[in-house]
Amino acid sequence: MSGGRVLIVDDEPDLVAGIRMVLEDEGMDVAVHSSLITLPLLLRTIDPDVILLALSMPALSGTAVFANNRQLLKTDAPVILFSGRGDRELARLAEELGADGYICKSDDTQAVVHRVKTWILNRRALQSA
């Protein structure tokens, strides 16, 4: 069994490369996508355990995903806000939008790994119940 599948949706390649490397070192399969416009097509082939979703992206913002109860995504994977915004603001946005959680881009990488693993384990537990 793999360490889980993570989809990172972000348009900052340098930052994503670092997070991707850390998650892959922990045994996770990581896919990266830089556009929300084509994301629904990608989700037809990828079944991520967790989606890390940047809020500020060109063409379509991450908040658009939460319109109409996430029908844009058509997945039951936890959607985690992934942003450089402050902890308080992200917590508020996650609650307002109905996100499953949040990660500040400035968080310690080991804390990010731990939280992602927890979301993966929770999803797998729900799927097997």
Protein backbone atom coordinates (compact mmCIF):
# COMPACT_ATOMS: atom_id res chain seq x y z
CA MET A 1 0.00 0.00 0.00
CA SER A 2 1.37 3.42 -0.92
CA GLY A 3 1.77 6.25 1.54
CA GLY A 4 -1.15 7.95 -0.19
CA ARG A 5 -1.88 10.11 -3.19
CA VAL A 6 -1.58 13.87 -2.88
CA LEU A 7 -2.62 16.38 -5.52
CA ILE A 8 -1.09 19.84 -5.17
CA VAL A 9 -2.86 22.56 -7.14
CA ASP A 10 -0.61 25.61 -7.14
CA ASP A 11 1.11 27.89 -9.61
CA GLU A 12 4.34 28.45 -7.62
CA PRO A 13 6.69 25.80 -9.05
CA ASP A 14 9.64 26.45 -6.71
CA LEU A 15 7.57 26.10 -3.57
CA VAL A 16 5.67 23.10 -4.90
CA ALA A 17 8.92 21.33 -5.83
CA GLY A 18 10.09 21.46 -2.21
CA ILE A 19 6.82 20.22 -0.74
CA ARG A 20 6.59 17.52 -3.41
CA MET A 21 10.08 16.25 -2.62
CA VAL A 22 9.36 16.03 1.11
CA LEU A 23 6.06 14.20 0.60
CA GLU A 24 7.61 11.79 -1.91
CA ASP A 25 10.45 11.09 0.54
CA GLU A 26 7.70 9.97 2.94
CA GLY A 27 6.41 7.45 0.38
CA MET A 28 3.51 9.45 -1.03
CA ASP A 29 2.61 9.68 -4.70
CA VAL A 30 2.41 13.38 -5.55
CA ALA A 31 0.83 14.96 -8.61
CA VAL A 32 1.10 18.67 -9.31
CA HIS A 33 -1.32 20.73 -11.33
CA SER A 34 -1.16 24.47 -11.95
CA SER A 35 -4.64 25.25 -13.25
CA LEU A 36 -8.09 25.08 -11.73
CA ILE A 37 -9.69 25.35 -15.14
CA THR A 38 -8.55 21.89 -16.25
CA LEU A 39 -8.60 20.32 -12.79
CA PRO A 40 -11.94 18.47 -13.24
CA LEU A 41 -10.46 16.65 -16.27
CA LEU A 42 -7.39 15.65 -14.27
CA LEU A 43 -9.52 14.26 -11.45
CA ARG A 44 -11.02 11.75 -13.87
CA THR A 45 -7.65 9.97 -13.98
CA ILE A 46 -6.29 10.76 -10.51
CA ASP A 47 -8.07 9.74 -7.32
CA PRO A 48 -6.14 11.72 -4.71
CA ASP A 49 -6.42 11.03 -1.00
CA VAL A 50 -5.81 14.72 -0.30
CA ILE A 51 -5.89 17.88 -2.40
CA LEU A 52 -3.73 20.84 -1.37
CA LEU A 53 -5.37 23.82 -3.05
CA ALA A 54 -3.77 27.24 -3.44
CA LEU A 55 -6.19 30.11 -3.01
CA SER A 56 -4.62 32.73 -5.24
CA MET A 57 -4.24 31.51 -8.78
CA PRO A 58 -4.65 33.19 -12.15
CA ALA A 59 -7.86 32.74 -14.17
CA LEU A 60 -9.83 31.00 -11.42
CA SER A 61 -9.28 31.36 -7.68
CA GLY A 62 -9.19 28.46 -5.27
CA THR A 63 -12.33 29.78 -3.59
CA ALA A 64 -14.27 29.00 -6.79
CA VAL A 65 -13.88 25.29 -5.99
CA PHE A 66 -16.18 25.71 -3.00
CA ALA A 67 -19.04 27.30 -4.93
CA ASN A 68 -21.99 24.91 -5.22
CA ASN A 69 -20.57 22.50 -2.63
CA ARG A 70 -17.40 21.57 -4.53
CA GLN A 71 -19.23 20.29 -7.59
CA LEU A 72 -16.33 21.57 -9.71
CA LEU A 73 -14.12 18.84 -8.24
CA LYS A 74 -16.45 15.83 -8.08
CA THR A 75 -14.29 14.08 -5.50
CA ASP A 76 -14.69 13.12 -1.87
CA ALA A 77 -11.01 13.74 -1.12
CA PRO A 78 -10.36 16.29 1.60
CA VAL A 79 -9.65 19.71 0.09
CA ILE A 80 -7.07 21.58 2.13
CA LEU A 81 -6.42 25.30 1.68
CA PHE A 82 -2.74 25.80 0.90
CA SER A 83 -1.72 29.42 1.13
CA GLY A 84 0.83 31.95 2.24
CA ARG A 85 -1.86 33.80 4.19
CA GLY A 86 -1.70 33.92 7.96
CA ASP A 87 -2.89 31.13 10.23
CA ARG A 88 -5.91 33.02 11.58
CA GLU A 89 -7.08 34.12 8.15
CA LEU A 90 -6.72 30.60 6.75
CA ALA A 91 -8.63 29.08 9.66
CA ARG A 92 -11.45 31.57 9.09
CA LEU A 93 -11.49 30.95 5.33
CA ALA A 94 -11.45 27.18 5.76
CA GLU A 95 -14.50 27.41 7.98
CA GLU A 96 -16.33 29.90 5.76
CA LEU A 97 -15.66 27.99 2.55
CA GLY A 98 -16.20 24.50 3.91
CA ALA A 99 -12.63 23.33 3.36
CA ASP A 100 -11.48 20.27 5.26
CA GLY A 101 -8.48 22.09 6.69
CA TYR A 102 -5.62 24.38 5.86
CA ILE A 103 -1.84 24.51 5.66
CA CYS A 104 0.20 27.69 5.73
CA LYS A 105 2.94 27.56 3.11
CA SER A 106 5.34 28.79 5.79
CA ASP A 107 4.60 25.84 8.12
CA ASP A 108 7.41 23.50 9.10
CA THR A 109 7.70 20.72 6.51
CA GLN A 110 7.47 17.95 9.10
CA ALA A 111 4.23 19.47 10.41
CA VAL A 112 2.91 19.52 6.83
CA VAL A 113 3.85 15.85 6.35
CA HIS A 114 2.18 14.88 9.63
CA ARG A 115 -1.05 16.71 8.77
CA VAL A 116 -1.18 15.28 5.24
CA LYS A 117 -0.65 11.74 6.59
CA THR A 118 -3.49 12.30 9.07
CA TRP A 119 -5.89 13.38 6.31
CA ILE A 120 -4.89 10.35 4.22
CA LEU A 121 -5.47 7.95 7.11
CA ASN A 122 -8.82 9.57 7.90
CA ARG A 123 -9.98 9.27 4.28
CA ARG A 124 -8.93 5.62 4.11
CA ALA A 125 -10.75 4.89 7.37
CA LEU A 126 -13.93 6.47 6.01
CA GLN A 127 -13.66 4.53 2.75
CA SER A 128 -13.28 1.19 4.55
CA ALA A 129 -16.13 1.85 7.00
